[in-house]
Amino acid sequence: MSTKEKTREKVSLKEAPSINNEIIVYNDDVNTFDHVINTLMRVCEHTPEQAEQCSLIVHYNGKCTVKTGPLDKLKRQCSQLLAAGLSAEIV
């Protein structure tokens, strides 16, 4: 294996953990569509269209991945979603 191939492997390994982190929001019988949409726009920086689509996916499928990225950023965002009363977790 050449040095260049070894370097590529190292970079890939370092990048992989940040790609795999996701915030998933789950459906509940408490929050309104408007609350979920406004919260996703505020916390996850979604456009109104993205937030509406996510809220519909949550409603009909029971859950939706609303954000992916580095774990440290997702922890803050997931905490804000939970504080707003949404059911969410990082996977």
Protein backbone atom coordinates (compact mmCIF):
# COMPACT_ATOMS: atom_id res chain seq x y z
CA MET A 1 0.00 0.00 0.00
CA SER A 2 1.46 3.35 -0.97
CA THR A 3 1.82 6.28 1.43
CA LYS A 4 -0.86 8.16 -0.50
CA GLU A 5 -3.36 5.31 0.01
CA LYS A 6 -2.56 5.17 3.74
CA THR A 7 -3.21 8.92 4.03
CA ARG A 8 -6.58 8.56 2.32
CA GLU A 9 -7.57 5.84 4.76
CA LYS A 10 -6.69 8.00 7.74
CA VAL A 11 -8.71 10.93 6.41
CA SER A 12 -11.70 8.69 5.71
CA LEU A 13 -11.63 7.28 9.22
CA LYS A 14 -11.53 10.75 10.77
CA GLU A 15 -14.42 12.00 8.65
CA ALA A 16 -16.72 9.00 9.11
CA PRO A 17 -17.90 9.70 12.70
CA SER A 18 -19.21 13.18 11.88
CA ILE A 19 -21.19 11.91 8.90
CA ASN A 20 -22.98 9.24 10.92
CA ASN A 21 -24.40 11.48 13.65
CA GLU A 22 -28.08 12.31 13.22
CA ILE A 23 -30.82 13.99 15.23
CA ILE A 24 -34.06 12.08 14.91
CA VAL A 25 -37.35 13.69 15.91
CA TYR A 26 -40.21 11.37 16.87
CA ASN A 27 -43.95 11.84 16.54
CA ASP A 28 -46.02 12.64 19.63
CA ASP A 29 -49.58 13.61 20.41
CA VAL A 30 -48.60 16.84 22.16
CA ASN A 31 -46.90 19.26 19.76
CA THR A 32 -48.65 21.10 16.97
CA PHE A 33 -47.33 21.26 13.42
CA ASP A 34 -46.67 24.99 13.87
CA HIS A 35 -44.61 24.41 17.01
CA VAL A 36 -42.53 21.67 15.37
CA ILE A 37 -41.99 23.74 12.22
CA ASN A 38 -41.00 26.89 14.13
CA THR A 39 -38.69 24.92 16.41
CA LEU A 40 -36.92 23.20 13.50
CA MET A 41 -36.44 26.56 11.77
CA ARG A 42 -35.04 28.15 14.94
CA VAL A 43 -32.88 25.29 16.23
CA CYS A 44 -31.84 23.41 13.09
CA GLU A 45 -31.78 26.41 10.74
CA HIS A 46 -34.28 24.76 8.38
CA THR A 47 -36.06 26.74 5.71
CA PRO A 48 -39.84 26.90 6.16
CA GLU A 49 -40.19 24.27 3.42
CA GLN A 50 -37.66 21.90 5.03
CA ALA A 51 -39.28 22.25 8.43
CA GLU A 52 -42.75 21.60 7.02
CA GLN A 53 -41.57 18.52 5.12
CA CYS A 54 -39.85 17.15 8.23
CA SER A 55 -42.97 17.72 10.33
CA LEU A 56 -45.06 15.79 7.78
CA ILE A 57 -42.55 12.93 7.67
CA VAL A 58 -42.57 12.78 11.48
CA HIS A 59 -46.37 12.75 11.49
CA TYR A 60 -46.82 10.03 8.87
CA ASN A 61 -43.71 7.88 9.46
CA GLY A 62 -43.32 8.33 13.20
CA LYS A 63 -39.84 9.82 12.94
CA CYS A 64 -37.52 11.85 10.73
CA THR A 65 -33.82 12.65 10.63
CA VAL A 66 -33.79 16.44 10.92
CA LYS A 67 -30.06 17.16 11.14
CA THR A 68 -26.72 15.47 10.52
CA GLY A 69 -23.28 16.67 11.47
CA PRO A 70 -20.60 16.77 14.15
CA LEU A 71 -21.64 15.38 17.51
CA ASP A 72 -20.74 18.51 19.53
CA LYS A 73 -23.05 20.72 17.44
CA LEU A 74 -25.83 18.13 17.40
CA LYS A 75 -25.76 17.79 21.20
CA ARG A 76 -26.56 21.48 21.58
CA GLN A 77 -29.31 21.35 18.98
CA CYS A 78 -30.86 18.17 20.37
CA SER A 79 -30.90 19.71 23.86
CA GLN A 80 -32.75 22.72 22.45
CA LEU A 81 -35.28 20.48 20.70
CA LEU A 82 -35.88 18.57 23.93
CA ALA A 83 -36.21 21.83 25.89
CA ALA A 84 -38.89 22.91 23.39
CA GLY A 85 -40.83 19.73 24.18
CA LEU A 86 -40.02 17.69 21.08
CA SER A 87 -39.08 14.00 21.31
CA ALA A 88 -35.60 13.72 19.84
CA GLU A 89 -32.37 11.78 20.13
CA ILE A 90 -28.94 11.56 18.53
CA VAL A 91 -28.05 8.30 16.84
